[in-house]
Amino acid sequence: MKNRRAFMKMGGLTAVAALTGGIPSIAKTKDQKVNKSTHKLKLGLASYSLRKFDTEQTVKMMARVGLTHVCLKSMHLPLDSDQAAISKTKVLLEQYGIKLAAGGVIYMKTKEEVDQAFKYAKKAGMEMIVGVPAHSLLAYVETKVKEYNIILAIHNHGPGDEQYPSLGSIYDKIKDLDERIGMCHDIGHTQRIKLDPIKETVRYFERIYDFHIKDVDQANADGKNIEIGHGVIDVVAFLQLLTAMKFEGTVSFEYEKDADDPLPGLAESVGYVNGVLAVI
């Protein structure tokens, strides 16, 4: 594999600099609230990957592939869940050693939906919402971030997304807002919009609080999700970058292929990433 051979010839920040042309980043704020102080990546799952399976099946499949953090989509923990349903889900997660890291992707088109999302996250003890708020609601979202002290990571969706196609389109809207409003970087959608996921990660790193990791078979709008290591994204260099830059958040697999039987492809993707991390 050319990516693996290239990786083995390079090391640390020297490799990152060679791949990106240096390590520029947007400036840190004075009171940085999101700590990125360790180099051990936390691997998780965006549970939309297992959208055709119930919550217990999803948790068991996560345990089988060794993922320890989850961003729960609403089919696995509905937005209108009462405290009893939330507690039942959290007990199930704890039984399998899985941390409820976030909820999402949650779309917010009205103030009522913003209110619901933050109340839901608070009840569930989530530290982060991965969301897509309407542009007109960002000021209102900021008040809720301050009220609840919950991070909002806005998700990019690539070609065809009129709101947030790229990290740059998100950053332009949030750069002057509370720093707890940041980004969830979906590297597949970045590749599909013909931008470099590595360079985009470097450029906006200080406001990226979550990642959705995947691979795609083409670097254009027609690119489809594929097992990691079989596509066009330089996943080795991407993982080396996150390790070198000491990213502390969650790197969540979002495997959208094979909805009826996703476990083999998800397992292969997790195995590939673990193999890369073992030699970094």
C-alpha atoms as a PDB file:
ATOM      1  CA  MET A   1       0.000   0.000   0.000  1.00  0.00           C
ATOM      2  CA  LYS A   2       1.530   3.283  -1.107  1.00  0.00           C
ATOM      3  CA  ASN A   3       0.162   5.245   1.878  1.00  0.00           C
ATOM      4  CA  ARG A   4       1.680   2.825   4.374  1.00  0.00           C
ATOM      5  CA  ARG A   5       5.055   2.784   2.589  1.00  0.00           C
ATOM      6  CA  ALA A   6       5.127   6.572   2.482  1.00  0.00           C
ATOM      7  CA  PHE A   7       4.237   6.779   6.141  1.00  0.00           C
ATOM      8  CA  MET A   8       7.022   4.464   7.198  1.00  0.00           C
ATOM      9  CA  LYS A   9       9.555   6.776   5.559  1.00  0.00           C
ATOM     10  CA  MET A  10       8.375   9.840   7.460  1.00  0.00           C
ATOM     11  CA  GLY A  11       8.202  10.806  11.092  1.00  0.00           C
ATOM     12  CA  GLY A  12       6.367  13.187  13.410  1.00  0.00           C
ATOM     13  CA  LEU A  13       5.932  16.834  12.564  1.00  0.00           C
ATOM     14  CA  THR A  14       8.525  16.587   9.791  1.00  0.00           C
ATOM     15  CA  ALA A  15       6.080  14.380   7.911  1.00  0.00           C
ATOM     16  CA  VAL A  16       3.177  16.696   8.658  1.00  0.00           C
ATOM     17  CA  ALA A  17       5.105  19.703   7.395  1.00  0.00           C
ATOM     18  CA  ALA A  18       6.051  17.859   4.227  1.00  0.00           C
ATOM     19  CA  LEU A  19       2.464  16.878   3.592  1.00  0.00           C
ATOM     20  CA  THR A  20       0.890  20.253   4.331  1.00  0.00           C
ATOM     21  CA  GLY A  21       3.570  22.779   3.492  1.00  0.00           C
ATOM     22  CA  GLY A  22       3.923  23.760   7.138  1.00  0.00           C
ATOM     23  CA  ILE A  23       1.577  23.845  10.095  1.00  0.00           C
ATOM     24  CA  PRO A  24      -0.315  27.146  10.035  1.00  0.00           C
ATOM     25  CA  SER A  25      -3.425  27.464  12.151  1.00  0.00           C
ATOM     26  CA  ILE A  26      -5.938  30.057  13.196  1.00  0.00           C
ATOM     27  CA  ALA A  27      -4.965  31.882  16.366  1.00  0.00           C
ATOM     28  CA  LYS A  28      -5.880  30.507  19.779  1.00  0.00           C
ATOM     29  CA  THR A  29      -8.122  32.568  21.980  1.00  0.00           C
ATOM     30  CA  LYS A  30      -6.828  33.679  25.369  1.00  0.00           C
ATOM     31  CA  ASP A  31      -9.060  31.336  27.312  1.00  0.00           C
ATOM     32  CA  GLN A  32      -8.927  28.137  25.313  1.00  0.00           C
ATOM     33  CA  LYS A  33     -11.637  25.868  26.729  1.00  0.00           C
ATOM     34  CA  VAL A  34     -11.034  22.743  24.686  1.00  0.00           C
ATOM     35  CA  ASN A  35      -7.864  21.010  25.846  1.00  0.00           C
ATOM     36  CA  LYS A  36      -5.855  19.024  23.290  1.00  0.00           C
ATOM     37  CA  SER A  37      -3.059  17.817  25.496  1.00  0.00           C
ATOM     38  CA  THR A  38      -2.637  14.118  24.754  1.00  0.00           C
ATOM     39  CA  HIS A  39      -1.627  12.156  21.692  1.00  0.00           C
ATOM     40  CA  LYS A  40      -3.716   9.026  22.135  1.00  0.00           C
ATOM     41  CA  LEU A  41      -6.662   9.131  19.755  1.00  0.00           C
ATOM     42  CA  LYS A  42     -10.091   8.152  21.042  1.00  0.00           C
ATOM     43  CA  LEU A  43     -11.911   6.068  18.453  1.00  0.00           C
ATOM     44  CA  GLY A  44     -15.674   6.085  18.326  1.00  0.00           C
ATOM     45  CA  LEU A  45     -18.689   5.617  16.100  1.00  0.00           C
ATOM     46  CA  ALA A  46     -21.215   7.952  14.566  1.00  0.00           C
ATOM     47  CA  SER A  47     -24.147   5.643  15.200  1.00  0.00           C
ATOM     48  CA  TYR A  48     -25.837   6.635  11.935  1.00  0.00           C
ATOM     49  CA  SER A  49     -23.474   3.999  10.522  1.00  0.00           C
ATOM     50  CA  LEU A  50     -25.736   1.354  12.093  1.00  0.00           C
ATOM     51  CA  ARG A  51     -28.996   3.144  11.357  1.00  0.00           C
ATOM     52  CA  LYS A  52     -30.894  -0.035  10.488  1.00  0.00           C
ATOM     53  CA  PHE A  53     -30.135  -1.658  13.839  1.00  0.00           C
ATOM     54  CA  ASP A  54     -31.609  -0.989  17.247  1.00  0.00           C
ATOM     55  CA  THR A  55     -29.645   0.519  20.093  1.00  0.00           C
ATOM     56  CA  GLU A  56     -28.677  -2.745  21.763  1.00  0.00           C
ATOM     57  CA  GLN A  57     -27.521  -4.275  18.469  1.00  0.00           C
ATOM     58  CA  THR A  58     -25.537  -1.111  17.738  1.00  0.00           C
ATOM     59  CA  VAL A  59     -23.790  -1.164  21.105  1.00  0.00           C
ATOM     60  CA  LYS A  60     -22.933  -4.850  20.773  1.00  0.00           C
ATOM     61  CA  MET A  61     -21.447  -4.305  17.294  1.00  0.00           C
ATOM     62  CA  MET A  62     -19.401  -1.402  18.612  1.00  0.00           C
ATOM     63  CA  ALA A  63     -18.040  -3.621  21.356  1.00  0.00           C
ATOM     64  CA  ARG A  64     -17.142  -6.319  18.819  1.00  0.00           C
ATOM     65  CA  VAL A  65     -14.918  -3.907  16.876  1.00  0.00           C
ATOM     66  CA  GLY A  66     -13.480  -2.273  20.003  1.00  0.00           C
ATOM     67  CA  LEU A  67     -14.892   1.257  19.715  1.00  0.00           C
ATOM     68  CA  THR A  68     -15.196   3.063  23.041  1.00  0.00           C
ATOM     69  CA  HIS A  69     -16.987   6.350  22.270  1.00  0.00           C
ATOM     70  CA  VAL A  70     -20.258   7.021  20.505  1.00  0.00           C
ATOM     71  CA  CYS A  71     -22.116   9.921  18.930  1.00  0.00           C
ATOM     72  CA  LEU A  72     -25.715   8.714  19.101  1.00  0.00           C
ATOM     73  CA  LYS A  73     -28.097   9.535  16.287  1.00  0.00           C
ATOM     74  CA  SER A  74     -31.752  10.041  17.163  1.00  0.00           C
ATOM     75  CA  MET A  75     -32.836   6.571  15.953  1.00  0.00           C
ATOM     76  CA  HIS A  76     -30.725   5.166  18.798  1.00  0.00           C
ATOM     77  CA  LEU A  77     -31.677   7.783  21.396  1.00  0.00           C
ATOM     78  CA  PRO A  78     -34.704   9.829  20.267  1.00  0.00           C
ATOM     79  CA  LEU A  79     -34.611  13.567  20.851  1.00  0.00           C
ATOM     80  CA  ASP A  80     -37.806  13.376  22.910  1.00  0.00           C
ATOM     81  CA  SER A  81     -36.483  10.615  25.198  1.00  0.00           C
ATOM     82  CA  ASP A  82     -37.499  10.913  28.829  1.00  0.00           C
ATOM     83  CA  GLN A  83     -35.017  10.456  31.660  1.00  0.00           C
ATOM     84  CA  ALA A  84     -35.919   6.790  32.073  1.00  0.00           C
ATOM     85  CA  ALA A  85     -35.111   6.009  28.429  1.00  0.00           C
ATOM     86  CA  ILE A  86     -31.876   7.976  28.621  1.00  0.00           C
ATOM     87  CA  SER A  87     -30.831   6.189  31.800  1.00  0.00           C
ATOM     88  CA  LYS A  88     -31.561   2.791  30.229  1.00  0.00           C
ATOM     89  CA  THR A  89     -29.383   3.652  27.233  1.00  0.00           C
ATOM     90  CA  LYS A  90     -26.543   4.925  29.411  1.00  0.00           C
ATOM     91  CA  VAL A  91     -26.619   1.756  31.518  1.00  0.00           C
ATOM     92  CA  LEU A  92     -26.365  -0.285  28.313  1.00  0.00           C
ATOM     93  CA  LEU A  93     -23.397   1.773  27.131  1.00  0.00           C
ATOM     94  CA  GLU A  94     -21.651   1.458  30.485  1.00  0.00           C
ATOM     95  CA  GLN A  95     -22.190  -2.299  30.431  1.00  0.00           C
ATOM     96  CA  TYR A  96     -20.066  -2.463  27.273  1.00  0.00           C
ATOM     97  CA  GLY A  97     -17.532   0.186  28.322  1.00  0.00           C
ATOM     98  CA  ILE A  98     -18.717   2.821  25.854  1.00  0.00           C
ATOM     99  CA  LYS A  99     -18.787   6.539  26.603  1.00  0.00           C
ATOM    100  CA  LEU A 100     -21.660   8.684  25.329  1.00  0.00           C
ATOM    101  CA  ALA A 101     -19.530  11.426  23.813  1.00  0.00           C
ATOM    102  CA  ALA A 102     -22.083  13.351  21.767  1.00  0.00           C
ATOM    103  CA  GLY A 103     -25.444  13.377  20.052  1.00  0.00           C
ATOM    104  CA  GLY A 104     -26.024  13.991  16.389  1.00  0.00           C
ATOM    105  CA  VAL A 105     -26.081  14.946  13.713  1.00  0.00           C
ATOM    106  CA  ILE A 106     -28.955  17.127  15.012  1.00  0.00           C
ATOM    107  CA  TYR A 107     -30.572  19.604  12.627  1.00  0.00           C
ATOM    108  CA  MET A 108     -31.886  22.852  14.094  1.00  0.00           C
ATOM    109  CA  LYS A 109     -34.217  24.879  11.895  1.00  0.00           C
ATOM    110  CA  THR A 110     -36.193  26.655  14.629  1.00  0.00           C
ATOM    111  CA  LYS A 111     -35.566  28.022  18.111  1.00  0.00           C
ATOM    112  CA  GLU A 112     -37.700  25.201  19.469  1.00  0.00           C
ATOM    113  CA  GLU A 113     -35.401  22.646  17.861  1.00  0.00           C
ATOM    114  CA  VAL A 114     -32.374  24.413  19.348  1.00  0.00           C
ATOM    115  CA  ASP A 115     -33.996  24.307  22.774  1.00  0.00           C
ATOM    116  CA  GLN A 116     -34.826  20.624  22.370  1.00  0.00           C
ATOM    117  CA  ALA A 117     -31.292  19.732  21.290  1.00  0.00           C
ATOM    118  CA  PHE A 118     -29.620  21.386  24.265  1.00  0.00           C
ATOM    119  CA  LYS A 119     -32.136  20.055  26.802  1.00  0.00           C
ATOM    120  CA  TYR A 120     -31.673  16.569  25.314  1.00  0.00           C
ATOM    121  CA  ALA A 121     -27.889  16.787  25.533  1.00  0.00           C
ATOM    122  CA  LYS A 122     -28.044  18.084  29.091  1.00  0.00           C
ATOM    123  CA  LYS A 123     -30.363  15.288  30.254  1.00  0.00           C
ATOM    124  CA  ALA A 124     -28.117  12.693  28.637  1.00  0.00           C
ATOM    125  CA  GLY A 125     -24.933  14.164  30.097  1.00  0.00           C
ATOM    126  CA  MET A 126     -23.434  14.822  26.665  1.00  0.00           C
ATOM    127  CA  GLU A 127     -20.489  17.176  26.443  1.00  0.00           C
ATOM    128  CA  MET A 128     -21.080  17.916  22.779  1.00  0.00           C
ATOM    129  CA  ILE A 129     -23.774  18.250  20.151  1.00  0.00           C
ATOM    130  CA  VAL A 130     -22.816  17.541  16.559  1.00  0.00           C
ATOM    131  CA  GLY A 131     -25.285  19.726  14.767  1.00  0.00           C
ATOM    132  CA  VAL A 132     -26.428  21.769  11.823  1.00  0.00           C
ATOM    133  CA  PRO A 133     -28.102  24.984  12.999  1.00  0.00           C
ATOM    134  CA  ALA A 134     -29.650  27.362  10.498  1.00  0.00           C
ATOM    135  CA  HIS A 135     -27.487  30.419   9.892  1.00  0.00           C
ATOM    136  CA  SER A 136     -30.210  32.695  11.271  1.00  0.00           C
ATOM    137  CA  LEU A 137     -30.127  30.819  14.601  1.00  0.00           C
ATOM    138  CA  LEU A 138     -26.410  31.031  15.331  1.00  0.00           C
ATOM    139  CA  ALA A 139     -26.761  33.975  17.711  1.00  0.00           C
ATOM    140  CA  TYR A 140     -29.481  32.097  19.588  1.00  0.00           C
ATOM    141  CA  VAL A 141     -27.372  28.923  19.596  1.00  0.00           C
ATOM    142  CA  GLU A 142     -24.550  30.916  21.168  1.00  0.00           C
ATOM    143  CA  THR A 143     -26.803  31.843  24.106  1.00  0.00           C
ATOM    144  CA  LYS A 144     -27.580  28.157  24.649  1.00  0.00           C
ATOM    145  CA  VAL A 145     -23.927  27.146  24.474  1.00  0.00           C
ATOM    146  CA  LYS A 146     -23.218  29.668  27.212  1.00  0.00           C
ATOM    147  CA  GLU A 147     -26.253  28.625  29.263  1.00  0.00           C
ATOM    148  CA  TYR A 148     -25.575  24.877  29.143  1.00  0.00           C
ATOM    149  CA  ASN A 149     -21.777  24.869  28.678  1.00  0.00           C
ATOM    150  CA  ILE A 150     -22.162  22.260  25.941  1.00  0.00           C
ATOM    151  CA  ILE A 151     -19.942  22.338  22.863  1.00  0.00           C
ATOM    152  CA  LEU A 152     -21.634  22.579  19.473  1.00  0.00           C
ATOM    153  CA  ALA A 153     -19.604  21.057  16.633  1.00  0.00           C
ATOM    154  CA  ILE A 154     -21.111  22.048  13.291  1.00  0.00           C
ATOM    155  CA  HIS A 155     -20.863  19.293  10.669  1.00  0.00           C
ATOM    156  CA  ASN A 156     -19.772  19.967   7.083  1.00  0.00           C
ATOM    157  CA  HIS A 157     -21.713  18.075   4.419  1.00  0.00           C
ATOM    158  CA  GLY A 158     -19.830  18.728   1.196  1.00  0.00           C
ATOM    159  CA  PRO A 159     -21.255  19.100  -2.315  1.00  0.00           C
ATOM    160  CA  GLY A 160     -24.911  20.048  -2.438  1.00  0.00           C
ATOM    161  CA  ASP A 161     -25.003  21.421   1.112  1.00  0.00           C
ATOM    162  CA  GLU A 162     -26.184  25.023   0.892  1.00  0.00           C
ATOM    163  CA  GLN A 163     -25.462  25.801   4.546  1.00  0.00           C
ATOM    164  CA  TYR A 164     -22.117  24.276   5.501  1.00  0.00           C
ATOM    165  CA  PRO A 165     -20.397  22.562   2.560  1.00  0.00           C
ATOM    166  CA  SER A 166     -16.870  23.119   3.911  1.00  0.00           C
ATOM    167  CA  LEU A 167     -14.985  23.963   7.081  1.00  0.00           C
ATOM    168  CA  GLY A 168     -14.342  27.425   5.688  1.00  0.00           C
ATOM    169  CA  SER A 169     -18.059  28.053   5.278  1.00  0.00           C
ATOM    170  CA  ILE A 170     -18.542  27.117   8.937  1.00  0.00           C
ATOM    171  CA  TYR A 171     -15.604  29.107  10.231  1.00  0.00           C
ATOM    172  CA  ASP A 172     -16.733  32.271   8.446  1.00  0.00           C
ATOM    173  CA  LYS A 173     -20.003  32.080  10.407  1.00  0.00           C
ATOM    174  CA  ILE A 174     -18.586  31.172  13.836  1.00  0.00           C
ATOM    175  CA  LYS A 175     -15.192  32.861  14.056  1.00  0.00           C
ATOM    176  CA  ASP A 176     -16.505  35.688  16.248  1.00  0.00           C
ATOM    177  CA  LEU A 177     -18.816  33.510  18.344  1.00  0.00           C
ATOM    178  CA  ASP A 178     -18.116  31.719  21.620  1.00  0.00           C
ATOM    179  CA  GLU A 179     -15.217  29.334  21.054  1.00  0.00           C
ATOM    180  CA  ARG A 180     -17.326  26.421  22.278  1.00  0.00           C
ATOM    181  CA  ILE A 181     -19.019  26.653  18.881  1.00  0.00           C
ATOM    182  CA  GLY A 182     -16.696  24.767  16.569  1.00  0.00           C
ATOM    183  CA  MET A 183     -16.669  22.072  13.926  1.00  0.00           C
ATOM    184  CA  CYS A 184     -17.070  18.360  13.364  1.00  0.00           C
ATOM    185  CA  HIS A 185     -14.818  17.660  10.389  1.00  0.00           C
ATOM    186  CA  ASP A 186     -16.204  14.990   8.072  1.00  0.00           C
ATOM    187  CA  ILE A 187     -13.118  14.235   6.013  1.00  0.00           C
ATOM    188  CA  GLY A 188     -15.085  12.339   3.391  1.00  0.00           C
ATOM    189  CA  HIS A 189     -17.247  15.327   2.535  1.00  0.00           C
ATOM    190  CA  THR A 190     -14.164  17.551   2.472  1.00  0.00           C
ATOM    191  CA  GLN A 191     -12.565  15.225  -0.083  1.00  0.00           C
ATOM    192  CA  ARG A 192     -15.786  15.135  -2.110  1.00  0.00           C
ATOM    193  CA  ILE A 193     -15.773  18.923  -2.385  1.00  0.00           C
ATOM    194  CA  LYS A 194     -12.241  18.664  -3.804  1.00  0.00           C
ATOM    195  CA  LEU A 195     -10.450  20.075  -0.768  1.00  0.00           C
ATOM    196  CA  ASP A 196      -7.565  18.383   1.037  1.00  0.00           C
ATOM    197  CA  PRO A 197      -8.746  16.968   4.402  1.00  0.00           C
ATOM    198  CA  ILE A 198      -5.231  17.296   5.839  1.00  0.00           C
ATOM    199  CA  LYS A 199      -4.716  20.917   4.863  1.00  0.00           C
ATOM    200  CA  GLU A 200      -8.229  21.811   6.005  1.00  0.00           C
ATOM    201  CA  THR A 201      -7.606  20.118   9.353  1.00  0.00           C
ATOM    202  CA  VAL A 202      -4.384  22.071   9.843  1.00  0.00           C
ATOM    203  CA  ARG A 203      -5.969  25.352   8.827  1.00  0.00           C
ATOM    204  CA  TYR A 204      -8.949  25.126  11.198  1.00  0.00           C
ATOM    205  CA  PHE A 205      -7.561  22.821  13.878  1.00  0.00           C
ATOM    206  CA  GLU A 206      -8.188  25.120  16.848  1.00  0.00           C
ATOM    207  CA  ARG A 207     -11.948  25.053  16.194  1.00  0.00           C
ATOM    208  CA  ILE A 208     -12.278  21.375  15.257  1.00  0.00           C
ATOM    209  CA  TYR A 209     -13.649  19.459  18.229  1.00  0.00           C
ATOM    210  CA  ASP A 210     -14.743  16.220  16.568  1.00  0.00           C
ATOM    211  CA  PHE A 211     -14.005  14.166  13.452  1.00  0.00           C
ATOM    212  CA  HIS A 212     -16.037  11.818  11.297  1.00  0.00           C
ATOM    213  CA  ILE A 213     -13.524   9.544   9.607  1.00  0.00           C
ATOM    214  CA  LYS A 214     -14.290   7.667   6.410  1.00  0.00           C
ATOM    215  CA  ASP A 215     -12.881   6.963   2.975  1.00  0.00           C
ATOM    216  CA  VAL A 216     -14.399   7.671  -0.445  1.00  0.00           C
ATOM    217  CA  ASP A 217     -13.806   6.117  -3.835  1.00  0.00           C
ATOM    218  CA  GLN A 218     -13.577   9.401  -5.774  1.00  0.00           C
ATOM    219  CA  ALA A 219     -12.405  12.914  -4.953  1.00  0.00           C
ATOM    220  CA  ASN A 220     -15.529  14.585  -6.322  1.00  0.00           C
ATOM    221  CA  ALA A 221     -19.251  14.951  -5.689  1.00  0.00           C
ATOM    222  CA  ASP A 222     -19.860  11.409  -6.953  1.00  0.00           C
ATOM    223  CA  GLY A 223     -17.510   9.914  -4.349  1.00  0.00           C
ATOM    224  CA  LYS A 224     -19.089   7.101  -2.366  1.00  0.00           C
ATOM    225  CA  ASN A 225     -18.226   5.795   1.094  1.00  0.00           C
ATOM    226  CA  ILE A 226     -15.885   2.802   0.996  1.00  0.00           C
ATOM    227  CA  GLU A 227     -13.859   0.769   3.484  1.00  0.00           C
ATOM    228  CA  ILE A 228     -11.009   2.841   4.914  1.00  0.00           C
ATOM    229  CA  GLY A 229      -7.788   2.121   3.075  1.00  0.00           C
ATOM    230  CA  HIS A 230      -9.500   1.351  -0.235  1.00  0.00           C
ATOM    231  CA  GLY A 231     -10.301   4.920  -1.250  1.00  0.00           C
ATOM    232  CA  VAL A 232      -8.569   8.128  -2.246  1.00  0.00           C
ATOM    233  CA  ILE A 233      -8.093   9.767   1.173  1.00  0.00           C
ATOM    234  CA  ASP A 234      -4.585   9.606   2.612  1.00  0.00           C
ATOM    235  CA  VAL A 235      -5.783   8.196   5.923  1.00  0.00           C
ATOM    236  CA  VAL A 236      -2.260   7.350   7.086  1.00  0.00           C
ATOM    237  CA  ALA A 237      -1.132  10.968   6.783  1.00  0.00           C
ATOM    238  CA  PHE A 238      -4.376  12.154   8.371  1.00  0.00           C
ATOM    239  CA  LEU A 239      -3.910   9.948  11.437  1.00  0.00           C
ATOM    240  CA  GLN A 240      -0.278  10.942  11.690  1.00  0.00           C
ATOM    241  CA  LEU A 241      -1.361  14.578  11.658  1.00  0.00           C
ATOM    242  CA  LEU A 242      -3.907  14.129  14.469  1.00  0.00           C
ATOM    243  CA  THR A 243      -1.357  12.254  16.546  1.00  0.00           C
ATOM    244  CA  ALA A 244       1.345  14.873  15.973  1.00  0.00           C
ATOM    245  CA  MET A 245      -1.045  17.717  16.763  1.00  0.00           C
ATOM    246  CA  LYS A 246      -2.256  15.914  19.903  1.00  0.00           C
ATOM    247  CA  PHE A 247      -5.955  15.916  19.131  1.00  0.00           C
ATOM    248  CA  GLU A 248      -7.883  14.992  22.259  1.00  0.00           C
ATOM    249  CA  GLY A 249     -11.422  14.729  20.941  1.00  0.00           C
ATOM    250  CA  THR A 250     -13.167  11.755  19.404  1.00  0.00           C
ATOM    251  CA  VAL A 251     -12.450  10.377  15.950  1.00  0.00           C
ATOM    252  CA  SER A 252     -15.695   8.659  14.986  1.00  0.00           C
ATOM    253  CA  PHE A 253     -16.084   6.163  12.185  1.00  0.00           C
ATOM    254  CA  GLU A 254     -19.010   6.962   9.928  1.00  0.00           C
ATOM    255  CA  TYR A 255     -19.425   3.943   7.683  1.00  0.00           C
ATOM    256  CA  GLU A 256     -22.415   4.575   5.429  1.00  0.00           C
ATOM    257  CA  LYS A 257     -21.877   1.727   2.982  1.00  0.00           C
ATOM    258  CA  ASP A 258     -23.683  -1.645   3.268  1.00  0.00           C
ATOM    259  CA  ALA A 259     -26.489  -0.383   5.505  1.00  0.00           C
ATOM    260  CA  ASP A 260     -28.033  -3.857   5.814  1.00  0.00           C
ATOM    261  CA  ASP A 261     -24.748  -5.563   6.704  1.00  0.00           C
ATOM    262  CA  PRO A 262     -22.224  -2.928   7.807  1.00  0.00           C
ATOM    263  CA  LEU A 263     -20.210  -4.895  10.351  1.00  0.00           C
ATOM    264  CA  PRO A 264     -17.630  -6.493   7.992  1.00  0.00           C
ATOM    265  CA  GLY A 265     -16.754  -3.170   6.346  1.00  0.00           C
ATOM    266  CA  LEU A 266     -16.769  -1.313   9.640  1.00  0.00           C
ATOM    267  CA  ALA A 267     -14.521  -3.948  11.203  1.00  0.00           C
ATOM    268  CA  GLU A 268     -12.104  -3.744   8.271  1.00  0.00           C
ATOM    269  CA  SER A 269     -12.004   0.057   8.576  1.00  0.00           C
ATOM    270  CA  VAL A 270     -11.390  -0.060  12.324  1.00  0.00           C
ATOM    271  CA  GLY A 271      -8.693  -2.671  11.848  1.00  0.00           C
ATOM    272  CA  TYR A 272      -6.938  -0.569   9.231  1.00  0.00           C
ATOM    273  CA  VAL A 273      -6.930   2.502  11.466  1.00  0.00           C
ATOM    274  CA  ASN A 274      -5.728   0.546  14.494  1.00  0.00           C
ATOM    275  CA  GLY A 275      -2.955  -0.930  12.397  1.00  0.00           C
ATOM    276  CA  VAL A 276      -1.803   2.501  11.299  1.00  0.00           C
ATOM    277  CA  LEU A 277      -1.941   3.877  14.828  1.00  0.00           C
ATOM    278  CA  ALA A 278       0.097   0.930  16.089  1.00  0.00           C
ATOM    279  CA  VAL A 279       3.063   1.976  13.951  1.00  0.00           C
ATOM    280  CA  ILE A 280       2.827   5.739  14.414  1.00  0.00           C
END
